[in-house]
Amino acid sequence: MNKTIKELTLFMGVFSFLFTLSFSFPFTIFFDVGGLFEPFCNQLVSLEAHLLGIEVASYHSGEDASGLYLNTVNVLFISLLVYWLLRRFLSQVQREKWMVFATVGMRYYLALILLIYGFDKVYKWQFYAPESNILYTRVKDLPQDMLYWTTMGTSYAYSLFAGLIEVLAGLFLLFRKSKVFGLLLSVGVLANVFAVNIGFDITVKLFSGFLLLLSLTLLFPYLSVCYAFFTGEEARLDLSVPDYARSTYYRVSKVVILILFLLETQFKYFVSRNFNDDLAPRAHFNGAYQVLKGEGGIVRVHFHRGGYLIFETPEGEFIDYKMTLNRQEQRIQLIDYDLQEHILEFIEYGDTLLLKDQKGSFSITSVKQKL
């Protein structure tokens, strides 16, 4: 049984390494190695789809697409080949050394991802406050994923709670004595994340499923200890320091890795000085404005923090333009999806805003209540 666990761990280490190299991930300071291989993997998937006579969509950054699923099959077969080569040309002792490296690597990767997503929740960067155009969209018109994201974005307390649980799981995984508890936490957290992604059709189902499988693989050798602990039986966990952890090289390497993890998970927040996105300064005019007078069947105008101007019709439709605001010249440049330019001039009268274009003008006044 112990030998089977070791071999399974070695295979999962190979698969995890190749899988994470096959797509881009938005790291802050770490080099995105997957971004180098993602175009090649997409080309390979396209070639296979052409030979098989099927259509697949290319993928990006691990988001769900038919191309990513086909890529996962490719990675699985390549991993089996690499694993077979390791079994054929390496001795049992050599494979066990690689198994140790794979275990530590998977544990640290899982910890890093949990810390990244955890702090994104703690600082309210993932479940950000919904923009006014979303709040004015009828519930029946919102897709499931946006409905979930919008609901989560309205609660700072829940975002903080969910983020702290993920951060704790990630921190526990970084240390040998607390790794089992970290794995139990990560399994619970990732099972919930995977269920949410499935239930609300959020497009990272495959990646979250991979993370859950990773945590289960790492927890598998400790299932008997966990069972004994939860059933009140005597549970013994080997906390002896392995030989590889006694070397100065390992200790220095771990300190360097922890420092890099700290920089990776905190750098963007300190640079932006944004530790609670709900309180972050918004662009001028950000929010919804009610039309008092005008033409064109527009009932509200939304200024989106992402640099968009969105017109809302009485039928609940939204027409968006890429916006560049020039307060000195009191002009708004709009670019539509056909790359056509439109220029609006504006004048502020207290909380009333007058917009004017070549076809006429209409006035809008800001919505007073907090959205």
Protein backbone atom coordinates (compact mmCIF):
# COMPACT_ATOMS: atom_id res chain seq x y z
CA MET A 1 0.00 0.00 0.00
CA ASN A 2 2.80 2.40 0.95
CA LYS A 3 4.56 1.66 -2.35
CA THR A 4 1.35 2.35 -4.30
CA ILE A 5 0.94 5.70 -2.57
CA LYS A 6 4.50 6.65 -3.43
CA GLU A 7 4.07 5.72 -7.08
CA LEU A 8 0.76 7.61 -7.26
CA THR A 9 2.44 10.65 -5.74
CA LEU A 10 5.26 10.47 -8.28
CA PHE A 11 2.82 10.28 -11.18
CA MET A 12 0.73 13.16 -9.83
CA GLY A 13 3.90 15.19 -9.42
CA VAL A 14 4.75 14.66 -13.10
CA PHE A 15 1.18 15.41 -14.21
CA SER A 16 0.91 18.53 -12.02
CA PHE A 17 4.19 19.91 -13.30
CA LEU A 18 3.28 19.43 -16.97
CA PHE A 19 -0.33 20.57 -16.52
CA THR A 20 0.60 23.86 -14.83
CA LEU A 21 3.16 24.50 -17.59
CA SER A 22 0.51 24.19 -20.29
CA PHE A 23 -1.40 27.40 -19.49
CA SER A 24 -0.68 30.95 -18.40
CA PHE A 25 -1.26 32.16 -14.86
CA PRO A 26 -1.33 35.85 -13.84
CA PHE A 27 1.52 35.88 -11.33
CA THR A 28 2.71 39.24 -10.03
CA ILE A 29 6.46 38.75 -9.65
CA PHE A 30 7.02 35.12 -10.64
CA PHE A 31 7.80 34.52 -14.28
CA ASP A 32 4.82 33.10 -16.14
CA VAL A 33 6.48 30.02 -17.63
CA GLY A 34 3.09 28.64 -18.66
CA GLY A 35 2.61 31.69 -20.87
CA LEU A 36 5.51 30.45 -23.01
CA PHE A 37 4.03 27.00 -23.55
CA GLU A 38 0.33 27.93 -23.83
CA PRO A 39 0.53 29.04 -27.52
CA PHE A 40 2.32 25.79 -28.46
CA CYS A 41 -0.25 23.70 -26.56
CA ASN A 42 -3.07 25.57 -28.29
CA GLN A 43 -1.46 24.90 -31.67
CA LEU A 44 -1.15 21.21 -30.84
CA VAL A 45 -4.79 21.08 -29.77
CA SER A 46 -5.85 22.81 -33.01
CA LEU A 47 -3.85 20.31 -35.06
CA GLU A 48 -5.43 17.37 -33.25
CA ALA A 49 -8.89 18.86 -33.71
CA HIS A 50 -8.23 19.25 -37.44
CA LEU A 51 -7.06 15.64 -37.76
CA LEU A 52 -10.06 14.40 -35.77
CA GLY A 53 -12.48 16.59 -37.71
CA ILE A 54 -13.84 18.34 -34.64
CA GLU A 55 -14.04 21.96 -33.53
CA VAL A 56 -12.40 23.12 -30.33
CA ALA A 57 -12.05 26.56 -28.79
CA SER A 58 -8.60 27.77 -27.82
CA TYR A 59 -8.02 28.41 -24.13
CA HIS A 60 -6.28 31.08 -22.07
CA SER A 61 -5.07 31.20 -18.46
CA GLY A 62 -6.71 27.93 -17.43
CA GLU A 63 -10.25 29.08 -18.16
CA ASP A 64 -12.65 26.36 -19.26
CA ALA A 65 -12.71 25.74 -23.01
CA SER A 66 -12.91 22.63 -25.14
CA GLY A 67 -9.27 23.19 -26.06
CA LEU A 68 -8.21 23.02 -22.40
CA TYR A 69 -9.97 19.68 -21.93
CA LEU A 70 -8.23 18.24 -24.97
CA ASN A 71 -4.95 19.69 -23.71
CA THR A 72 -5.51 17.91 -20.38
CA VAL A 73 -5.83 14.61 -22.22
CA ASN A 74 -2.54 15.38 -23.98
CA VAL A 75 -0.85 16.15 -20.67
CA LEU A 76 -2.22 12.94 -19.17
CA PHE A 77 -0.71 10.77 -21.92
CA ILE A 78 2.61 12.62 -21.80
CA SER A 79 2.67 12.22 -18.02
CA LEU A 80 2.10 8.47 -18.36
CA LEU A 81 5.01 8.29 -20.79
CA VAL A 82 7.32 10.27 -18.49
CA TYR A 83 6.25 8.16 -15.51
CA TRP A 84 6.96 4.97 -17.47
CA LEU A 85 10.43 6.27 -18.36
CA LEU A 86 11.12 7.08 -14.71
CA ARG A 87 10.10 3.58 -13.65
CA ARG A 88 12.19 2.00 -16.40
CA PHE A 89 15.43 3.93 -16.02
CA LEU A 90 15.49 4.95 -12.34
CA SER A 91 15.99 2.69 -9.36
CA GLN A 92 13.50 2.51 -6.51
CA VAL A 93 15.75 4.69 -4.36
CA GLN A 94 16.06 7.30 -7.11
CA ARG A 95 12.31 7.31 -7.66
CA GLU A 96 11.71 7.84 -3.95
CA LYS A 97 13.94 10.92 -4.08
CA TRP A 98 11.91 12.25 -6.99
CA MET A 99 8.74 11.39 -5.05
CA VAL A 100 9.90 13.56 -2.15
CA PHE A 101 10.63 16.41 -4.55
CA ALA A 102 7.20 15.96 -6.18
CA THR A 103 5.42 15.97 -2.82
CA VAL A 104 7.08 19.15 -1.61
CA GLY A 105 6.60 20.82 -5.01
CA MET A 106 2.88 20.01 -5.15
CA ARG A 107 2.38 21.14 -1.55
CA TYR A 108 4.10 24.46 -2.13
CA TYR A 109 2.27 25.09 -5.41
CA LEU A 110 -1.07 24.39 -3.73
CA ALA A 111 -0.11 26.71 -0.86
CA LEU A 112 0.84 29.50 -3.26
CA ILE A 113 -2.43 29.31 -5.20
CA LEU A 114 -4.47 29.30 -1.98
CA LEU A 115 -2.54 32.31 -0.69
CA ILE A 116 -3.01 34.22 -3.96
CA TYR A 117 -6.75 33.66 -4.12
CA GLY A 118 -7.13 34.00 -0.35
CA PHE A 119 -5.56 37.46 -0.19
CA ASP A 120 -7.54 38.49 -3.28
CA LYS A 121 -10.64 37.83 -1.19
CA VAL A 122 -9.26 39.38 2.01
CA TYR A 123 -8.47 42.61 0.18
CA LYS A 124 -11.76 42.44 -1.80
CA TRP A 125 -10.05 42.16 -5.20
CA GLN A 126 -11.76 38.97 -6.35
CA PHE A 127 -15.35 39.56 -5.25
CA TYR A 128 -15.30 43.29 -5.92
CA ALA A 129 -18.29 45.55 -5.41
CA PRO A 130 -20.62 45.30 -8.42
CA GLU A 131 -20.82 48.22 -10.83
CA SER A 132 -24.05 50.15 -11.25
CA ASN A 133 -24.91 48.62 -14.64
CA ILE A 134 -24.90 45.17 -13.03
CA LEU A 135 -27.03 46.34 -10.11
CA TYR A 136 -29.63 47.75 -12.52
CA THR A 137 -29.71 44.57 -14.61
CA ARG A 138 -32.77 42.43 -13.99
CA VAL A 139 -31.98 39.22 -12.12
CA LYS A 140 -33.42 37.06 -14.88
CA ASP A 141 -31.02 38.64 -17.36
CA LEU A 142 -27.87 37.89 -15.38
CA PRO A 143 -25.98 34.67 -16.16
CA GLN A 144 -25.40 32.34 -13.24
CA ASP A 145 -21.73 33.16 -12.81
CA MET A 146 -22.33 36.92 -12.81
CA LEU A 147 -25.25 36.53 -10.39
CA TYR A 148 -23.01 34.65 -7.95
CA TRP A 149 -20.12 37.10 -8.38
CA THR A 150 -22.44 40.08 -7.84
CA THR A 151 -23.94 38.60 -4.68
CA MET A 152 -20.53 37.78 -3.21
CA GLY A 153 -19.31 41.27 -4.09
CA THR A 154 -21.92 42.89 -1.85
CA SER A 155 -20.53 41.32 1.35
CA TYR A 156 -17.13 42.37 2.67
CA ALA A 157 -17.54 40.19 5.78
CA TYR A 158 -18.03 36.97 3.80
CA SER A 159 -15.20 37.80 1.40
CA LEU A 160 -12.91 38.39 4.39
CA PHE A 161 -14.00 35.14 6.05
CA ALA A 162 -13.57 33.02 2.90
CA GLY A 163 -10.21 34.62 2.18
CA LEU A 164 -8.85 34.06 5.68
CA ILE A 165 -9.75 30.35 5.54
CA GLU A 166 -7.83 30.01 2.27
CA VAL A 167 -4.88 31.98 3.65
CA LEU A 168 -4.77 29.78 6.75
CA ALA A 169 -4.84 26.63 4.64
CA GLY A 170 -2.01 27.96 2.49
CA LEU A 171 0.11 28.96 5.50
CA PHE A 172 -0.36 25.59 7.20
CA LEU A 173 0.75 23.81 4.03
CA LEU A 174 4.10 25.60 4.09
CA PHE A 175 5.24 23.92 7.31
CA ARG A 176 5.82 20.23 7.93
CA LYS A 177 4.20 20.07 11.38
CA SER A 178 0.95 21.73 10.23
CA LYS A 179 0.69 20.37 6.69
CA VAL A 180 -1.92 17.69 7.50
CA PHE A 181 -4.27 20.24 9.03
CA GLY A 182 -3.59 22.49 6.03
CA LEU A 183 -4.51 19.64 3.69
CA LEU A 184 -7.77 19.00 5.56
CA LEU A 185 -8.62 22.68 5.31
CA SER A 186 -7.66 22.84 1.63
CA VAL A 187 -9.81 19.81 0.77
CA GLY A 188 -12.82 21.44 2.44
CA VAL A 189 -12.17 24.83 0.82
CA LEU A 190 -11.50 23.46 -2.66
CA ALA A 191 -14.44 21.04 -2.54
CA ASN A 192 -16.69 24.05 -1.92
CA VAL A 193 -14.96 26.09 -4.66
CA PHE A 194 -15.30 23.22 -7.13
CA ALA A 195 -18.99 22.78 -6.27
CA VAL A 196 -19.62 26.53 -6.71
CA ASN A 197 -17.85 26.53 -10.07
CA ILE A 198 -19.94 23.58 -11.23
CA GLY A 199 -23.22 24.87 -9.81
CA PHE A 200 -22.86 28.43 -11.11
CA ASP A 201 -21.05 27.54 -14.34
CA ILE A 202 -17.94 29.56 -13.47
CA THR A 203 -15.27 29.01 -16.09
CA VAL A 204 -12.49 27.58 -13.93
CA LYS A 205 -14.08 24.20 -13.23
CA LEU A 206 -11.16 22.19 -14.59
CA PHE A 207 -8.51 24.19 -12.73
CA SER A 208 -10.39 24.07 -9.42
CA GLY A 209 -10.98 20.35 -9.93
CA PHE A 210 -7.24 19.90 -10.49
CA LEU A 211 -6.46 21.75 -7.25
CA LEU A 212 -8.95 19.57 -5.36
CA LEU A 213 -7.36 16.42 -6.83
CA LEU A 214 -3.96 17.75 -5.83
CA SER A 215 -5.02 18.28 -2.22
CA LEU A 216 -6.65 14.83 -2.06
CA THR A 217 -3.49 13.20 -3.44
CA LEU A 218 -1.36 14.89 -0.80
CA LEU A 219 -3.83 14.00 1.97
CA PHE A 220 -4.16 10.34 0.90
CA PRO A 221 -1.09 9.05 2.83
CA TYR A 222 -2.53 10.50 6.05
CA LEU A 223 -6.08 9.19 5.78
CA SER A 224 -5.56 6.47 8.40
CA VAL A 225 -4.15 9.00 10.86
CA CYS A 226 -7.06 11.39 10.22
CA TYR A 227 -9.58 8.58 10.64
CA ALA A 228 -8.04 7.54 13.95
CA PHE A 229 -8.01 11.12 15.17
CA PHE A 230 -11.68 11.83 14.31
CA THR A 231 -12.89 8.50 15.75
CA GLY A 232 -11.11 9.04 19.05
CA GLU A 233 -8.54 6.33 18.53
CA GLU A 234 -4.84 6.74 19.11
CA ALA A 235 -3.38 8.67 16.19
CA ARG A 236 0.35 8.93 15.61
CA LEU A 237 1.77 11.29 13.04
CA ASP A 238 5.44 11.01 12.16
CA LEU A 239 6.85 14.49 12.77
CA SER A 240 10.49 13.50 12.63
CA VAL A 241 12.68 15.73 10.51
CA PRO A 242 13.60 13.98 7.23
CA ASP A 243 17.25 13.89 6.21
CA TYR A 244 16.80 16.32 3.31
CA ALA A 245 15.34 18.94 5.67
CA ARG A 246 18.44 18.96 7.85
CA SER A 247 20.74 20.45 5.23
CA THR A 248 21.67 24.14 5.21
CA TYR A 249 20.82 24.27 1.51
CA TYR A 250 17.21 23.20 2.22
CA ARG A 251 16.78 25.70 5.05
CA VAL A 252 18.16 28.60 3.03
CA SER A 253 16.03 27.59 0.04
CA LYS A 254 12.90 27.50 2.18
CA VAL A 255 13.56 30.98 3.58
CA VAL A 256 14.07 32.31 0.05
CA ILE A 257 10.86 30.63 -1.14
CA LEU A 258 8.86 32.05 1.78
CA ILE A 259 10.16 35.55 1.03
CA LEU A 260 9.24 35.15 -2.64
CA PHE A 261 5.78 33.89 -1.68
CA LEU A 262 5.35 36.93 0.56
CA LEU A 263 6.29 39.25 -2.30
CA GLU A 264 4.08 37.41 -4.78
CA THR A 265 1.01 37.58 -2.57
CA GLN A 266 1.46 41.15 -1.22
CA PHE A 267 3.37 43.21 -3.77
CA LYS A 268 0.43 44.41 -5.90
CA TYR A 269 -1.58 45.50 -2.87
CA PHE A 270 1.26 47.57 -1.42
CA VAL A 271 2.07 49.14 -4.80
CA SER A 272 -1.57 50.13 -5.35
CA ARG A 273 -2.12 50.86 -1.62
CA ASN A 274 -5.46 49.16 -2.00
CA PHE A 275 -6.16 46.85 0.94
CA ASN A 276 -9.93 47.02 0.63
CA ASP A 277 -11.23 47.52 -2.87
CA ASP A 278 -14.61 48.64 -1.54
CA LEU A 279 -12.87 51.76 -0.21
CA ALA A 280 -10.60 52.33 -3.20
CA PRO A 281 -11.03 55.71 -4.96
CA ARG A 282 -13.31 55.55 -7.97
CA ALA A 283 -13.00 57.46 -11.20
CA HIS A 284 -14.84 60.75 -11.62
CA PHE A 285 -18.57 60.27 -12.40
CA ASN A 286 -18.38 56.60 -11.38
CA GLY A 287 -21.87 55.20 -10.86
CA ALA A 288 -25.37 55.50 -12.31
CA TYR A 289 -27.05 58.68 -13.56
CA GLN A 290 -30.76 59.06 -14.23
CA VAL A 291 -31.72 60.77 -17.49
CA LEU A 292 -34.07 63.72 -16.93
CA LYS A 293 -34.27 64.97 -20.48
CA GLY A 294 -32.97 63.72 -23.77
CA GLU A 295 -33.50 61.71 -26.92
CA GLY A 296 -32.63 58.21 -28.03
CA GLY A 297 -34.63 56.21 -25.46
CA ILE A 298 -31.95 56.23 -22.75
CA VAL A 299 -33.12 55.98 -19.14
CA ARG A 300 -29.79 55.74 -17.33
CA VAL A 301 -26.12 56.32 -18.03
CA HIS A 302 -23.49 54.27 -16.19
CA PHE A 303 -19.88 55.29 -15.73
CA HIS A 304 -17.92 52.08 -15.22
CA ARG A 305 -14.67 52.10 -13.24
CA GLY A 306 -13.03 50.03 -15.96
CA GLY A 307 -13.24 52.95 -18.38
CA TYR A 308 -16.59 52.33 -20.02
CA LEU A 309 -19.66 54.48 -20.60
CA ILE A 310 -22.84 52.40 -20.70
CA PHE A 311 -26.27 53.54 -21.89
CA GLU A 312 -29.32 51.73 -20.50
CA THR A 313 -32.55 51.55 -22.52
CA PRO A 314 -36.09 51.22 -21.12
CA GLU A 315 -36.07 47.58 -22.28
CA GLY A 316 -33.16 46.82 -19.97
CA GLU A 317 -30.54 46.62 -22.72
CA PHE A 318 -27.05 48.02 -22.18
CA ILE A 319 -24.92 49.63 -24.88
CA ASP A 320 -21.30 50.11 -23.86
CA TYR A 321 -18.44 52.18 -25.22
CA LYS A 322 -14.80 52.36 -24.31
CA MET A 323 -14.41 55.74 -22.65
CA THR A 324 -11.58 58.25 -22.24
CA LEU A 325 -12.49 61.14 -19.93
CA ASN A 326 -10.73 64.51 -20.27
CA ARG A 327 -11.87 66.78 -17.43
CA GLN A 328 -9.73 69.73 -18.51
CA GLU A 329 -11.29 69.91 -21.96
CA GLN A 330 -14.62 68.63 -20.61
CA ARG A 331 -14.80 65.98 -23.29
CA ILE A 332 -15.53 62.27 -23.32
CA GLN A 333 -14.15 60.17 -26.16
CA LEU A 334 -16.18 57.03 -26.90
CA ILE A 335 -15.06 54.12 -29.05
CA ASP A 336 -17.64 51.55 -30.16
CA TYR A 337 -17.05 47.94 -31.19
CA ASP A 338 -16.60 49.02 -34.82
CA LEU A 339 -13.77 51.28 -33.62
CA GLN A 340 -15.82 54.36 -34.54
CA GLU A 341 -15.13 57.46 -32.46
CA HIS A 342 -17.82 59.56 -30.81
CA ILE A 343 -17.16 62.76 -28.86
CA LEU A 344 -19.36 64.04 -26.03
CA GLU A 345 -18.96 67.37 -24.31
CA PHE A 346 -20.04 67.72 -20.69
CA ILE A 347 -20.75 70.47 -18.20
CA GLU A 348 -21.26 69.96 -14.47
CA TYR A 349 -23.90 71.93 -12.55
CA GLY A 350 -23.61 70.70 -8.97
CA ASP A 351 -24.92 67.16 -9.04
CA THR A 352 -26.41 67.59 -12.52
CA LEU A 353 -24.44 66.70 -15.61
CA LEU A 354 -25.16 68.00 -19.10
CA LEU A 355 -23.96 65.85 -21.99
CA LYS A 356 -23.95 67.17 -25.52
CA ASP A 357 -23.10 65.67 -28.87
CA GLN A 358 -23.67 66.63 -32.51
CA LYS A 359 -27.26 65.38 -32.44
CA GLY A 360 -28.46 67.39 -29.44
CA SER A 361 -28.20 67.27 -25.70
CA PHE A 362 -29.82 65.74 -22.65
CA SER A 363 -29.25 66.20 -18.92
CA ILE A 364 -28.79 63.55 -16.25
CA THR A 365 -28.71 63.83 -12.50
CA SER A 366 -26.83 61.50 -10.16
CA VAL A 367 -28.57 58.77 -8.21
CA LYS A 368 -28.31 59.78 -4.55
CA GLN A 369 -28.71 56.48 -2.72
CA LYS A 370 -25.79 54.13 -2.26
CA LEU A 371 -25.91 51.31 -4.76
